[in-house]
Amino acid sequence: MGEEIIAKIKDEAKKYFENMSPAHDWSHVERVYSLALKIAEKEKANLFVVKLAALLHDIGRKQEMKNPKINDHAKISEELALKILRKYKIDEQTIKQVLHCISSHRFRNNEKPETKEAKVLYDADKLDSIGAIGIARAYAFAGEQKIKLYSDKNFLGTGYEKEHSPVTEFLFKLSKVKDTMQTKTGKLLARERHDFTSNYFEKLNQELKQGS
């Protein structure tokens, strides 16, 4: 029964990613889902909760991208997820756990993951923001938003400002991801991805200095 519900909710979630840009499309959800399961198994987390949370964690992203002033896709995702979970008669305790995972997965807010399942989702989502795929996503997002390839903007902001850039994102977010990992497994997986990301932006900085 559990896998049948997961399959149905997966179909529901996928609808929210139609025509989404590559930095935040359905493939991101698939990668997070796969990473979350690997981490959850190692950390002995509740797989049902983790699966639901991973599938639903970004369903509010399209609304945020249409209106950056909203600037909290986690909150929108939480509201949409509640409707979907109740539609499939998920028990209230599980719903509470899934919603906490969703609301606390975002880097740019003050809610911290408190449960094992929330920590698993947080780590899986953040791992997809660093390493080779993370750099690819950062530049895909830059192209989508028509922001700069690099800039000297010295604060994180929302990420939608015209003076923002992947370099800014690295300095104020991506470079810190490794140290925010919540699980032992996440920390191990983050090391190599962090080193790759750091080396890339160091090389970029060297080339920019050569060309200045």
N, C-alpha and C. Protein backbone atom coordinates (compact mmCIF):
# COMPACT_ATOMS: atom_id res chain seq x y z
N MET A 1 0.83 -1.21 0.00
CA MET A 1 0.00 0.00 0.00
C MET A 1 0.87 1.26 0.00
N GLY A 2 1.95 1.22 0.78
CA GLY A 2 2.81 2.40 0.86
C GLY A 2 3.42 2.78 -0.47
N GLU A 3 3.90 1.80 -1.21
CA GLU A 3 4.52 2.09 -2.51
C GLU A 3 3.49 2.57 -3.52
N GLU A 4 2.27 2.09 -3.39
CA GLU A 4 1.20 2.54 -4.29
C GLU A 4 0.90 4.03 -4.06
N ILE A 5 0.85 4.42 -2.80
CA ILE A 5 0.62 5.83 -2.46
C ILE A 5 1.79 6.69 -2.93
N ILE A 6 3.00 6.20 -2.72
CA ILE A 6 4.19 6.93 -3.17
C ILE A 6 4.11 7.18 -4.67
N ALA A 7 3.74 6.16 -5.43
CA ALA A 7 3.65 6.28 -6.88
C ALA A 7 2.61 7.32 -7.29
N LYS A 8 1.48 7.33 -6.60
CA LYS A 8 0.41 8.29 -6.93
C LYS A 8 0.83 9.71 -6.58
N ILE A 9 1.47 9.87 -5.43
CA ILE A 9 1.92 11.20 -5.02
C ILE A 9 3.06 11.68 -5.91
N LYS A 10 3.88 10.76 -6.37
CA LYS A 10 4.93 11.12 -7.32
C LYS A 10 4.32 11.70 -8.60
N ASP A 11 3.26 11.08 -9.09
CA ASP A 11 2.57 11.58 -10.29
C ASP A 11 1.98 12.96 -10.03
N GLU A 12 1.43 13.16 -8.83
CA GLU A 12 0.87 14.48 -8.46
C GLU A 12 1.97 15.53 -8.43
N ALA A 13 3.08 15.19 -7.78
CA ALA A 13 4.18 16.15 -7.63
C ALA A 13 4.77 16.54 -8.97
N LYS A 14 4.90 15.59 -9.86
CA LYS A 14 5.54 15.83 -11.16
C LYS A 14 4.82 16.91 -11.96
N LYS A 15 3.52 17.05 -11.75
CA LYS A 15 2.74 18.04 -12.49
C LYS A 15 3.20 19.47 -12.19
N TYR A 16 3.75 19.67 -11.00
CA TYR A 16 4.17 21.02 -10.60
C TYR A 16 5.49 21.43 -11.28
N PHE A 17 6.08 20.54 -12.02
CA PHE A 17 7.38 20.83 -12.64
C PHE A 17 7.33 20.89 -14.16
N GLU A 18 6.12 20.94 -14.70
CA GLU A 18 5.98 21.05 -16.15
C GLU A 18 6.54 22.39 -16.61
N ASN A 19 7.37 22.35 -17.64
CA ASN A 19 7.98 23.56 -18.23
C ASN A 19 8.87 24.32 -17.24
N MET A 20 9.38 23.63 -16.24
CA MET A 20 10.29 24.28 -15.29
C MET A 20 11.68 24.40 -15.90
N SER A 21 12.40 25.42 -15.50
CA SER A 21 13.75 25.63 -15.99
C SER A 21 14.69 24.58 -15.38
N PRO A 22 15.81 24.29 -16.06
CA PRO A 22 16.66 23.16 -15.67
C PRO A 22 17.26 23.20 -14.28
N ALA A 23 17.45 24.37 -13.71
CA ALA A 23 18.05 24.43 -12.37
C ALA A 23 17.14 23.85 -11.29
N HIS A 24 15.83 23.90 -11.55
CA HIS A 24 14.87 23.43 -10.54
C HIS A 24 13.78 22.57 -11.16
N ASP A 25 14.15 21.74 -12.12
CA ASP A 25 13.15 20.91 -12.78
C ASP A 25 12.97 19.57 -12.06
N TRP A 26 12.22 18.67 -12.67
CA TRP A 26 11.92 17.39 -12.03
C TRP A 26 13.17 16.55 -11.80
N SER A 27 14.19 16.73 -12.63
CA SER A 27 15.42 15.95 -12.45
C SER A 27 16.08 16.28 -11.11
N HIS A 28 15.92 17.52 -10.65
CA HIS A 28 16.44 17.89 -9.32
C HIS A 28 15.73 17.06 -8.25
N VAL A 29 14.43 16.95 -8.35
CA VAL A 29 13.66 16.16 -7.38
C VAL A 29 14.11 14.70 -7.42
N GLU A 30 14.32 14.17 -8.61
CA GLU A 30 14.76 12.78 -8.73
C GLU A 30 16.12 12.55 -8.08
N ARG A 31 17.02 13.51 -8.26
CA ARG A 31 18.35 13.37 -7.64
C ARG A 31 18.24 13.45 -6.12
N VAL A 32 17.45 14.41 -5.64
CA VAL A 32 17.28 14.55 -4.19
C VAL A 32 16.62 13.30 -3.61
N TYR A 33 15.64 12.78 -4.30
CA TYR A 33 14.94 11.56 -3.86
C TYR A 33 15.94 10.41 -3.71
N SER A 34 16.77 10.23 -4.73
CA SER A 34 17.76 9.14 -4.70
C SER A 34 18.77 9.33 -3.58
N LEU A 35 19.28 10.55 -3.44
CA LEU A 35 20.24 10.84 -2.37
C LEU A 35 19.60 10.65 -1.00
N ALA A 36 18.36 11.12 -0.87
CA ALA A 36 17.67 11.04 0.42
C ALA A 36 17.47 9.58 0.85
N LEU A 37 17.15 8.72 -0.09
CA LEU A 37 16.97 7.31 0.25
C LEU A 37 18.29 6.68 0.70
N LYS A 38 19.37 7.01 0.00
CA LYS A 38 20.68 6.47 0.38
C LYS A 38 21.06 6.92 1.80
N ILE A 39 20.85 8.21 2.07
CA ILE A 39 21.19 8.73 3.39
C ILE A 39 20.26 8.15 4.45
N ALA A 40 18.97 8.08 4.14
CA ALA A 40 17.98 7.57 5.09
C ALA A 40 18.27 6.13 5.50
N GLU A 41 18.68 5.32 4.54
CA GLU A 41 19.00 3.93 4.85
C GLU A 41 20.20 3.83 5.78
N LYS A 42 21.20 4.66 5.53
CA LYS A 42 22.39 4.66 6.39
C LYS A 42 22.06 5.18 7.80
N GLU A 43 21.19 6.19 7.83
CA GLU A 43 20.87 6.84 9.10
C GLU A 43 19.68 6.21 9.82
N LYS A 44 19.08 5.17 9.18
CA LYS A 44 17.93 4.47 9.76
C LYS A 44 16.75 5.41 10.02
N ALA A 45 16.47 6.26 9.03
CA ALA A 45 15.34 7.17 9.10
C ALA A 45 14.08 6.48 8.55
N ASN A 46 12.94 7.08 8.80
CA ASN A 46 11.67 6.56 8.30
C ASN A 46 11.60 6.79 6.79
N LEU A 47 11.67 5.72 6.02
CA LEU A 47 11.75 5.83 4.56
C LEU A 47 10.47 6.40 3.95
N PHE A 48 9.33 6.05 4.52
CA PHE A 48 8.06 6.54 3.99
C PHE A 48 7.99 8.06 4.09
N VAL A 49 8.35 8.58 5.25
CA VAL A 49 8.35 10.04 5.46
C VAL A 49 9.36 10.71 4.52
N VAL A 50 10.54 10.13 4.42
CA VAL A 50 11.59 10.71 3.57
C VAL A 50 11.17 10.72 2.11
N LYS A 51 10.57 9.64 1.65
CA LYS A 51 10.12 9.57 0.25
C LYS A 51 9.08 10.65 -0.05
N LEU A 52 8.09 10.78 0.82
CA LEU A 52 7.05 11.79 0.62
C LEU A 52 7.65 13.19 0.63
N ALA A 53 8.50 13.46 1.60
CA ALA A 53 9.10 14.79 1.73
C ALA A 53 9.97 15.13 0.53
N ALA A 54 10.75 14.17 0.05
CA ALA A 54 11.62 14.42 -1.10
C ALA A 54 10.81 14.73 -2.35
N LEU A 55 9.72 14.01 -2.54
CA LEU A 55 8.89 14.23 -3.73
C LEU A 55 8.18 15.58 -3.69
N LEU A 56 7.84 16.05 -2.51
CA LEU A 56 7.00 17.25 -2.38
C LEU A 56 7.76 18.51 -1.96
N HIS A 57 9.05 18.40 -1.70
CA HIS A 57 9.75 19.51 -1.06
C HIS A 57 9.84 20.77 -1.91
N ASP A 58 9.76 20.65 -3.22
CA ASP A 58 9.93 21.82 -4.09
C ASP A 58 8.71 22.12 -4.96
N ILE A 59 7.53 21.59 -4.62
CA ILE A 59 6.38 21.80 -5.51
C ILE A 59 5.91 23.25 -5.53
N GLY A 60 6.39 24.07 -4.61
CA GLY A 60 6.05 25.49 -4.62
C GLY A 60 7.06 26.35 -5.35
N ARG A 61 8.09 25.73 -5.90
CA ARG A 61 9.18 26.48 -6.53
C ARG A 61 8.70 27.30 -7.71
N LYS A 62 7.81 26.75 -8.54
CA LYS A 62 7.36 27.47 -9.73
C LYS A 62 6.68 28.79 -9.34
N GLN A 63 5.90 28.77 -8.27
CA GLN A 63 5.23 30.00 -7.82
C GLN A 63 6.24 31.04 -7.39
N GLU A 64 7.29 30.61 -6.69
CA GLU A 64 8.33 31.56 -6.27
C GLU A 64 9.03 32.16 -7.48
N MET A 65 9.32 31.34 -8.48
CA MET A 65 10.05 31.83 -9.64
C MET A 65 9.20 32.76 -10.49
N LYS A 66 7.90 32.57 -10.46
CA LYS A 66 7.00 33.49 -11.17
C LYS A 66 6.90 34.82 -10.44
N ASN A 67 7.07 34.77 -9.12
CA ASN A 67 6.97 35.98 -8.31
C ASN A 67 8.03 35.94 -7.22
N PRO A 68 9.29 36.34 -7.53
CA PRO A 68 10.39 36.27 -6.55
C PRO A 68 10.12 37.01 -5.25
N LYS A 69 9.14 37.95 -5.26
CA LYS A 69 8.84 38.68 -4.02
C LYS A 69 8.29 37.74 -2.96
N ILE A 70 7.71 36.61 -3.41
CA ILE A 70 7.22 35.62 -2.45
C ILE A 70 8.39 35.07 -1.64
N ASN A 71 9.44 34.70 -2.34
CA ASN A 71 10.74 34.35 -1.76
C ASN A 71 10.69 33.30 -0.65
N ASP A 72 9.77 32.37 -0.73
CA ASP A 72 9.79 31.26 0.22
C ASP A 72 9.04 30.07 -0.37
N HIS A 73 9.71 29.38 -1.27
CA HIS A 73 9.05 28.24 -1.91
C HIS A 73 8.77 27.12 -0.92
N ALA A 74 9.53 27.06 0.18
CA ALA A 74 9.30 26.01 1.17
C ALA A 74 7.93 26.16 1.81
N LYS A 75 7.55 27.38 2.10
CA LYS A 75 6.24 27.64 2.71
C LYS A 75 5.11 27.27 1.73
N ILE A 76 5.29 27.65 0.47
CA ILE A 76 4.28 27.31 -0.55
C ILE A 76 4.22 25.81 -0.73
N SER A 77 5.38 25.17 -0.78
CA SER A 77 5.44 23.71 -0.93
C SER A 77 4.73 23.02 0.23
N GLU A 78 4.91 23.55 1.42
CA GLU A 78 4.29 22.98 2.61
C GLU A 78 2.76 23.04 2.50
N GLU A 79 2.24 24.18 2.05
CA GLU A 79 0.80 24.36 1.92
C GLU A 79 0.22 23.43 0.85
N LEU A 80 0.91 23.31 -0.28
CA LEU A 80 0.44 22.44 -1.36
C LEU A 80 0.54 20.97 -0.94
N ALA A 81 1.62 20.64 -0.25
CA ALA A 81 1.83 19.25 0.18
C ALA A 81 0.73 18.81 1.15
N LEU A 82 0.31 19.71 2.02
CA LEU A 82 -0.74 19.37 2.99
C LEU A 82 -2.00 18.91 2.27
N LYS A 83 -2.38 19.62 1.23
CA LYS A 83 -3.58 19.26 0.46
C LYS A 83 -3.42 17.89 -0.20
N ILE A 84 -2.24 17.65 -0.77
CA ILE A 84 -2.00 16.37 -1.44
C ILE A 84 -2.00 15.21 -0.44
N LEU A 85 -1.33 15.39 0.68
CA LEU A 85 -1.24 14.33 1.67
C LEU A 85 -2.60 13.99 2.26
N ARG A 86 -3.43 15.00 2.48
CA ARG A 86 -4.78 14.74 3.01
C ARG A 86 -5.67 14.11 1.94
N LYS A 87 -5.43 14.47 0.69
CA LYS A 87 -6.18 13.85 -0.41
C LYS A 87 -5.99 12.34 -0.40
N TYR A 88 -4.78 11.90 -0.08
CA TYR A 88 -4.48 10.47 -0.07
C TYR A 88 -4.58 9.86 1.33
N LYS A 89 -5.23 10.62 2.23
CA LYS A 89 -5.55 10.12 3.58
C LYS A 89 -4.32 9.62 4.35
N ILE A 90 -3.22 10.36 4.21
CA ILE A 90 -2.04 10.08 5.01
C ILE A 90 -2.34 10.45 6.46
N ASP A 91 -1.91 9.65 7.41
CA ASP A 91 -2.23 9.93 8.82
C ASP A 91 -1.57 11.24 9.27
N GLU A 92 -2.21 11.88 10.24
CA GLU A 92 -1.80 13.22 10.66
C GLU A 92 -0.39 13.27 11.24
N GLN A 93 0.04 12.23 11.91
CA GLN A 93 1.39 12.22 12.46
C GLN A 93 2.43 12.22 11.34
N THR A 94 2.18 11.41 10.31
CA THR A 94 3.09 11.38 9.16
C THR A 94 3.09 12.71 8.44
N ILE A 95 1.89 13.28 8.28
CA ILE A 95 1.79 14.60 7.63
C ILE A 95 2.63 15.62 8.38
N LYS A 96 2.52 15.63 9.69
CA LYS A 96 3.28 16.58 10.51
C LYS A 96 4.78 16.42 10.27
N GLN A 97 5.23 15.17 10.21
CA GLN A 97 6.65 14.91 9.99
C GLN A 97 7.10 15.35 8.60
N VAL A 98 6.29 15.06 7.60
CA VAL A 98 6.63 15.44 6.22
C VAL A 98 6.68 16.96 6.07
N LEU A 99 5.70 17.63 6.66
CA LEU A 99 5.66 19.10 6.54
C LEU A 99 6.85 19.75 7.22
N HIS A 100 7.29 19.18 8.33
CA HIS A 100 8.49 19.73 8.98
C HIS A 100 9.72 19.55 8.09
N CYS A 101 9.82 18.40 7.45
CA CYS A 101 10.93 18.18 6.52
C CYS A 101 10.95 19.25 5.44
N ILE A 102 9.78 19.53 4.89
CA ILE A 102 9.67 20.50 3.79
C ILE A 102 9.98 21.91 4.26
N SER A 103 9.40 22.29 5.39
CA SER A 103 9.56 23.67 5.86
C SER A 103 10.99 23.97 6.31
N SER A 104 11.74 22.94 6.68
CA SER A 104 13.09 23.17 7.22
C SER A 104 14.21 22.82 6.23
N HIS A 105 13.86 22.51 4.98
CA HIS A 105 14.92 22.09 4.04
C HIS A 105 15.63 23.28 3.41
N ARG A 106 15.09 24.47 3.54
CA ARG A 106 15.59 25.63 2.81
C ARG A 106 16.76 26.28 3.52
N PHE A 107 17.80 26.64 2.77
CA PHE A 107 18.99 27.30 3.33
C PHE A 107 18.67 28.70 3.83
N ARG A 108 17.82 29.42 3.04
CA ARG A 108 17.53 30.82 3.34
C ARG A 108 16.32 30.99 4.26
N ASN A 109 16.26 30.28 5.34
CA ASN A 109 15.25 30.60 6.36
C ASN A 109 15.78 30.19 7.72
N ASN A 110 14.99 30.47 8.75
CA ASN A 110 15.47 30.26 10.11
C ASN A 110 14.99 28.97 10.74
N GLU A 111 14.17 28.20 10.02
CA GLU A 111 13.68 26.94 10.60
C GLU A 111 14.71 25.84 10.39
N LYS A 112 15.10 25.20 11.45
CA LYS A 112 16.14 24.18 11.39
C LYS A 112 15.52 22.78 11.43
N PRO A 113 16.11 21.83 10.71
CA PRO A 113 15.61 20.46 10.75
C PRO A 113 15.84 19.83 12.12
N GLU A 114 14.78 19.35 12.74
CA GLU A 114 14.88 18.80 14.09
C GLU A 114 14.80 17.28 14.11
N THR A 115 14.12 16.68 13.16
CA THR A 115 13.96 15.22 13.14
C THR A 115 15.02 14.58 12.24
N LYS A 116 15.20 13.28 12.41
CA LYS A 116 16.15 12.56 11.58
C LYS A 116 15.77 12.67 10.10
N GLU A 117 14.46 12.58 9.81
CA GLU A 117 13.98 12.63 8.44
C GLU A 117 14.19 14.01 7.82
N ALA A 118 13.97 15.05 8.61
CA ALA A 118 14.19 16.41 8.12
C ALA A 118 15.66 16.65 7.82
N LYS A 119 16.51 16.12 8.67
CA LYS A 119 17.96 16.25 8.46
C LYS A 119 18.40 15.52 7.19
N VAL A 120 17.79 14.38 6.93
CA VAL A 120 18.10 13.62 5.72
C VAL A 120 17.72 14.41 4.48
N LEU A 121 16.50 14.98 4.47
CA LEU A 121 16.07 15.76 3.31
C LEU A 121 16.96 16.99 3.13
N TYR A 122 17.25 17.67 4.21
CA TYR A 122 18.11 18.86 4.13
C TYR A 122 19.44 18.50 3.47
N ASP A 123 20.07 17.44 3.92
CA ASP A 123 21.37 17.05 3.38
C ASP A 123 21.27 16.67 1.91
N ALA A 124 20.25 15.91 1.56
CA ALA A 124 20.09 15.47 0.17
C ALA A 124 19.90 16.67 -0.75
N ASP A 125 19.08 17.61 -0.32
CA ASP A 125 18.81 18.80 -1.14
C ASP A 125 20.06 19.65 -1.28
N LYS A 126 20.80 19.83 -0.21
CA LYS A 126 21.99 20.67 -0.25
C LYS A 126 23.13 20.01 -1.03
N LEU A 127 23.22 18.69 -0.98
CA LEU A 127 24.24 18.01 -1.77
C LEU A 127 24.06 18.26 -3.26
N ASP A 128 22.82 18.45 -3.68
CA ASP A 128 22.56 18.71 -5.10
C ASP A 128 22.90 20.14 -5.49
N SER A 129 23.27 20.96 -4.51
CA SER A 129 23.63 22.35 -4.82
C SER A 129 25.14 22.54 -4.92
N ILE A 130 25.92 21.49 -4.63
CA ILE A 130 27.38 21.59 -4.74
C ILE A 130 27.91 20.47 -5.62
N GLY A 131 29.22 20.50 -5.88
CA GLY A 131 29.81 19.54 -6.81
C GLY A 131 29.54 19.96 -8.24
N ALA A 132 29.80 19.07 -9.17
CA ALA A 132 29.64 19.38 -10.59
C ALA A 132 28.21 19.76 -10.92
N ILE A 133 27.24 18.99 -10.39
CA ILE A 133 25.84 19.30 -10.68
C ILE A 133 25.44 20.63 -10.05
N GLY A 134 25.98 20.92 -8.88
CA GLY A 134 25.66 22.19 -8.22
C GLY A 134 26.14 23.39 -9.03
N ILE A 135 27.34 23.30 -9.57
CA ILE A 135 27.87 24.39 -10.41
C ILE A 135 27.02 24.54 -11.67
N ALA A 136 26.67 23.40 -12.28
CA ALA A 136 25.82 23.44 -13.47
C ALA A 136 24.49 24.12 -13.16
N ARG A 137 23.91 23.80 -12.04
CA ARG A 137 22.63 24.39 -11.65
C ARG A 137 22.77 25.89 -11.38
N ALA A 138 23.88 26.29 -10.74
CA ALA A 138 24.09 27.70 -10.44
C ALA A 138 24.15 28.54 -11.72
N TYR A 139 24.81 28.01 -12.73
CA TYR A 139 24.92 28.77 -13.98
C TYR A 139 23.65 28.66 -14.83
N ALA A 140 22.93 27.54 -14.69
CA ALA A 140 21.63 27.44 -15.36
C ALA A 140 20.69 28.50 -14.79
N PHE A 141 20.71 28.65 -13.47
CA PHE A 141 19.87 29.64 -12.81
C PHE A 141 20.27 31.06 -13.23
N ALA A 142 21.58 31.30 -13.34
CA ALA A 142 22.06 32.62 -13.77
C ALA A 142 21.53 32.94 -15.16
N GLY A 143 21.54 31.96 -16.04
CA GLY A 143 21.02 32.18 -17.39
C GLY A 143 19.53 32.43 -17.38
N GLU A 144 18.79 31.68 -16.58
CA GLU A 144 17.34 31.85 -16.49
C GLU A 144 16.98 33.26 -16.04
N GLN A 145 17.69 33.74 -15.03
CA GLN A 145 17.37 35.03 -14.43
C GLN A 145 18.10 36.21 -15.08
N LYS A 146 18.96 35.89 -16.06
CA LYS A 146 19.74 36.93 -16.75
C LYS A 146 20.57 37.74 -15.75
N ILE A 147 21.16 37.03 -14.78
CA ILE A 147 22.06 37.70 -13.84
C ILE A 147 23.50 37.46 -14.30
N LYS A 148 24.45 38.05 -13.61
CA LYS A 148 25.84 38.04 -14.06
C LYS A 148 26.51 36.68 -13.85
N LEU A 149 27.54 36.43 -14.67
CA LEU A 149 28.36 35.24 -14.48
C LEU A 149 29.21 35.36 -13.23
N TYR A 150 29.61 36.59 -12.91
CA TYR A 150 30.36 36.85 -11.70
C TYR A 150 30.13 38.30 -11.30
N SER A 151 30.28 38.60 -10.02
CA SER A 151 30.09 39.97 -9.54
C SER A 151 30.79 40.10 -8.19
N ASP A 152 30.84 41.34 -7.70
CA ASP A 152 31.46 41.57 -6.39
C ASP A 152 30.40 41.87 -5.33
N LYS A 153 29.17 41.48 -5.61
CA LYS A 153 28.10 41.64 -4.63
C LYS A 153 28.50 40.94 -3.34
N ASN A 154 28.38 41.61 -2.20
CA ASN A 154 28.95 41.06 -0.96
C ASN A 154 27.90 40.65 0.06
N PHE A 155 26.71 40.24 -0.40
CA PHE A 155 25.73 39.65 0.51
C PHE A 155 24.87 38.67 -0.27
N LEU A 156 24.26 37.72 0.45
CA LEU A 156 23.55 36.65 -0.22
C LEU A 156 22.24 37.11 -0.85
N GLY A 157 21.41 37.84 -0.12
CA GLY A 157 20.14 38.31 -0.66
C GLY A 157 19.20 37.16 -0.99
N THR A 158 18.32 37.39 -1.97
CA THR A 158 17.34 36.37 -2.35
C THR A 158 17.85 35.46 -3.45
N GLY A 159 18.86 35.93 -4.18
CA GLY A 159 19.36 35.18 -5.32
C GLY A 159 18.77 35.64 -6.64
N TYR A 160 17.78 36.53 -6.57
CA TYR A 160 17.13 37.01 -7.79
C TYR A 160 17.61 38.40 -8.22
N GLU A 161 18.43 39.05 -7.39
CA GLU A 161 18.90 40.39 -7.74
C GLU A 161 19.78 40.36 -8.98
N LYS A 162 19.73 41.42 -9.76
CA LYS A 162 20.50 41.48 -11.02
C LYS A 162 22.00 41.47 -10.77
N GLU A 163 22.44 41.94 -9.60
CA GLU A 163 23.87 41.95 -9.30
C GLU A 163 24.33 40.63 -8.68
N HIS A 164 23.40 39.71 -8.49
CA HIS A 164 23.74 38.40 -7.97
C HIS A 164 24.52 37.62 -9.03
N SER A 165 25.20 36.56 -8.61
CA SER A 165 25.95 35.73 -9.56
C SER A 165 26.27 34.39 -8.90
N PRO A 166 26.67 33.38 -9.68
CA PRO A 166 27.11 32.13 -9.07
C PRO A 166 28.29 32.32 -8.11
N VAL A 167 29.13 33.31 -8.38
CA VAL A 167 30.26 33.59 -7.47
C VAL A 167 29.73 34.04 -6.12
N THR A 168 28.75 34.93 -6.13
CA THR A 168 28.12 35.37 -4.89
C THR A 168 27.49 34.19 -4.17
N GLU A 169 26.81 33.35 -4.94
CA GLU A 169 26.15 32.17 -4.37
C GLU A 169 27.18 31.26 -3.71
N PHE A 170 28.34 31.13 -4.32
CA PHE A 170 29.39 30.29 -3.74
C PHE A 170 29.92 30.90 -2.45
N LEU A 171 30.23 32.19 -2.49
CA LEU A 171 30.84 32.84 -1.33
C LEU A 171 29.94 32.81 -0.10
N PHE A 172 28.64 33.01 -0.32
CA PHE A 172 27.74 33.17 0.82
C PHE A 172 26.83 31.98 1.09
N LYS A 173 26.83 30.98 0.20
CA LYS A 173 26.02 29.80 0.45
C LYS A 173 26.77 28.50 0.17
N LEU A 174 27.16 28.29 -1.09
CA LEU A 174 27.70 27.00 -1.48
C LEU A 174 28.96 26.62 -0.70
N SER A 175 29.80 27.59 -0.41
CA SER A 175 31.03 27.30 0.33
C SER A 175 30.74 26.88 1.77
N LYS A 176 29.52 27.18 2.26
CA LYS A 176 29.16 26.87 3.64
C LYS A 176 28.33 25.59 3.77
N VAL A 177 27.88 25.08 2.64
CA VAL A 177 26.99 23.92 2.67
C VAL A 177 27.61 22.75 3.43
N LYS A 178 28.87 22.46 3.16
CA LYS A 178 29.54 21.32 3.81
C LYS A 178 29.41 21.38 5.32
N ASP A 179 29.53 22.57 5.87
CA ASP A 179 29.51 22.73 7.32
C ASP A 179 28.10 22.74 7.91
N THR A 180 27.09 22.74 7.06
CA THR A 180 25.71 22.71 7.56
C THR A 180 25.09 21.32 7.48
N MET A 181 25.85 20.35 6.96
CA MET A 181 25.31 19.00 6.86
C MET A 181 24.85 18.49 8.23
N GLN A 182 23.71 17.82 8.23
CA GLN A 182 23.05 17.43 9.47
C GLN A 182 23.31 15.98 9.88
N THR A 183 23.70 15.15 8.93
CA THR A 183 23.90 13.73 9.23
C THR A 183 25.35 13.32 8.97
N LYS A 184 25.75 12.23 9.60
CA LYS A 184 27.10 11.72 9.39
C LYS A 184 27.31 11.34 7.93
N THR A 185 26.31 10.71 7.34
CA THR A 185 26.40 10.30 5.94
C THR A 185 26.49 11.51 5.03
N GLY A 186 25.68 12.53 5.31
CA GLY A 186 25.70 13.75 4.51
C GLY A 186 27.05 14.44 4.55
N LYS A 187 27.65 14.45 5.73
CA LYS A 187 28.97 15.08 5.88
C LYS A 187 30.03 14.36 5.04
N LEU A 188 29.96 13.04 5.02
CA LEU A 188 30.92 12.26 4.22
C LEU A 188 30.74 12.54 2.73
N LEU A 189 29.49 12.56 2.28
CA LEU A 189 29.20 12.79 0.87
C LEU A 189 29.56 14.22 0.43
N ALA A 190 29.48 15.16 1.37
CA ALA A 190 29.70 16.56 1.02
C ALA A 190 31.17 16.90 0.79
N ARG A 191 32.07 16.13 1.38
CA ARG A 191 33.50 16.50 1.33
C ARG A 191 34.02 16.63 -0.10
N GLU A 192 33.84 15.58 -0.89
CA GLU A 192 34.35 15.59 -2.26
C GLU A 192 33.66 16.66 -3.10
N ARG A 193 32.35 16.78 -2.94
CA ARG A 193 31.61 17.78 -3.72
C ARG A 193 32.05 19.20 -3.35
N HIS A 194 32.30 19.41 -2.06
CA HIS A 194 32.77 20.73 -1.62
C HIS A 194 34.12 21.05 -2.24
N ASP A 195 35.03 20.10 -2.21
CA ASP A 195 36.37 20.33 -2.76
C ASP A 195 36.30 20.66 -4.25
N PHE A 196 35.47 19.94 -4.99
CA PHE A 196 35.32 20.20 -6.42
C PHE A 196 34.78 21.60 -6.65
N THR A 197 33.76 21.97 -5.89
CA THR A 197 33.15 23.30 -6.04
C THR A 197 34.14 24.40 -5.71
N SER A 198 34.84 24.23 -4.60
CA SER A 198 35.82 25.23 -4.16
C SER A 198 36.94 25.39 -5.18
N ASN A 199 37.43 24.28 -5.71
CA ASN A 199 38.50 24.34 -6.70
C ASN A 199 38.05 25.04 -7.98
N TYR A 200 36.81 24.80 -8.36
CA TYR A 200 36.29 25.45 -9.57
C TYR A 200 36.28 26.98 -9.40
N PHE A 201 35.71 27.46 -8.31
CA PHE A 201 35.60 28.90 -8.14
C PHE A 201 36.96 29.55 -7.87
N GLU A 202 37.88 28.81 -7.30
CA GLU A 202 39.24 29.32 -7.15
C GLU A 202 39.89 29.50 -8.52
N LYS A 203 39.71 28.51 -9.39
CA LYS A 203 40.24 28.59 -10.76
C LYS A 203 39.57 29.74 -11.53
N LEU A 204 38.28 29.90 -11.36
CA LEU A 204 37.57 31.00 -12.02
C LEU A 204 38.14 32.34 -11.58
N ASN A 205 38.37 32.49 -10.29
CA ASN A 205 38.92 33.73 -9.77
C ASN A 205 40.31 34.01 -10.35
N GLN A 206 41.11 32.97 -10.49
CA GLN A 206 42.46 33.13 -11.09
C GLN A 206 42.35 33.63 -12.53
N GLU A 207 41.44 33.06 -13.29
CA GLU A 207 41.29 33.46 -14.69
C GLU A 207 40.76 34.88 -14.81
N LEU A 208 39.87 35.26 -13.90
CA LEU A 208 39.34 36.63 -13.93
C LEU A 208 40.43 37.64 -13.61
N LYS A 209 41.32 37.30 -12.70
CA LYS A 209 42.43 38.20 -12.36
C LYS A 209 43.39 38.32 -13.55
N GLN A 210 43.58 37.23 -14.26
CA GLN A 210 44.46 37.26 -15.44
C GLN A 210 43.89 38.15 -16.54
N GLY A 211 42.57 38.18 -16.62
CA GLY A 211 41.93 38.93 -17.69
C GLY A 211 41.61 40.37 -17.33
N SER A 212 41.93 40.76 -16.09
CA SER A 212 41.58 42.13 -15.66
C SER A 212 42.71 43.10 -15.99
